Amino acid sequence: MSGNGMNRADIAPGKEVNIVLKADQRTGKLTRGIVKDILTNSPRHPHGIKVRLQDGQVGRVKDILS
């Protein structure tokens, strides 16, 4: 695991990440996927940068895998 997902500069389309979906925020269940779009505009976010995966799911990055 190379990053924690709070810095926008660490995330780019094509990277493999673990995200927490809005519906899974209470349980903390992670979903793995490939970043398609970065939705957060600010350079940092304390809860993780919001992204859209290639399969269309949206959530906040918790781990950067690749």
Protein backbone atom coordinates (compact mmCIF):
# COMPACT_ATOMS: atom_id res chain seq x y z
CA MET A 1 0.00 0.00 0.00
CA SER A 2 1.68 3.16 -1.16
CA GLY A 3 -0.65 5.99 -0.15
CA ASN A 4 -3.52 6.95 2.08
CA GLY A 5 -5.73 8.73 -0.47
CA MET A 6 -5.81 12.18 1.17
CA ASN A 7 -3.57 13.93 -1.40
CA ARG A 8 -5.04 14.55 -4.85
CA ALA A 9 -1.54 14.57 -6.39
CA ASP A 10 -1.07 10.88 -5.43
CA ILE A 11 -4.15 9.77 -7.39
CA ALA A 12 -4.45 9.54 -11.17
CA PRO A 13 -6.78 7.84 -13.67
CA GLY A 14 -5.69 4.25 -14.19
CA LYS A 15 -4.42 3.71 -10.62
CA GLU A 16 -5.79 0.81 -8.59
CA VAL A 17 -7.32 1.95 -5.29
CA ASN A 18 -9.51 0.88 -2.40
CA ILE A 19 -12.46 3.21 -1.81
CA VAL A 20 -15.26 3.47 0.72
CA LEU A 21 -18.65 3.88 -0.93
CA LYS A 22 -21.15 6.30 0.65
CA ALA A 23 -23.36 3.34 1.63
CA ASP A 24 -20.39 1.61 3.32
CA GLN A 25 -19.11 4.57 5.37
CA ARG A 26 -20.56 3.19 8.61
CA THR A 27 -19.02 -0.26 8.17
CA GLY A 28 -15.80 0.88 6.49
CA LYS A 29 -16.13 -1.86 3.85
CA LEU A 30 -13.59 -1.28 1.05
CA THR A 31 -14.24 -1.61 -2.67
CA ARG A 32 -11.30 -2.14 -5.05
CA GLY A 33 -11.21 -0.65 -8.51
CA ILE A 34 -9.42 1.42 -11.13
CA VAL A 35 -9.78 5.24 -11.02
CA LYS A 36 -11.64 6.73 -13.99
CA ASP A 37 -12.22 10.32 -12.77
CA ILE A 38 -11.10 12.42 -9.79
CA LEU A 39 -14.11 14.27 -8.38
CA THR A 40 -12.48 16.27 -5.55
CA ASN A 41 -11.02 19.59 -6.71
CA SER A 42 -9.07 20.54 -3.58
CA PRO A 43 -5.45 19.30 -3.23
CA ARG A 44 -6.21 17.52 0.08
CA HIS A 45 -9.28 16.10 1.80
CA PRO A 46 -9.27 14.71 5.37
CA HIS A 47 -11.70 11.88 4.51
CA GLY A 48 -10.00 10.93 1.24
CA ILE A 49 -10.19 12.18 -2.32
CA LYS A 50 -13.52 11.35 -4.00
CA VAL A 51 -13.18 9.38 -7.24
CA ARG A 52 -15.30 7.54 -9.80
CA LEU A 53 -14.11 4.03 -10.65
CA GLN A 54 -14.20 2.59 -14.16
CA ASP A 55 -17.31 0.60 -13.21
CA GLY A 56 -19.12 3.83 -12.23
CA GLN A 57 -18.97 3.49 -8.43
CA VAL A 58 -18.13 6.67 -6.49
CA GLY A 59 -16.36 6.82 -3.15
CA ARG A 60 -13.45 8.20 -1.15
CA VAL A 61 -9.96 6.73 -1.59
CA LYS A 62 -8.60 4.93 1.48
CA ASP A 63 -5.60 3.11 -0.05
CA ILE A 64 -3.63 3.53 -3.26
CA LEU A 65 -2.54 0.09 -4.46
CA SER A 66 -0.57 0.78 -7.65
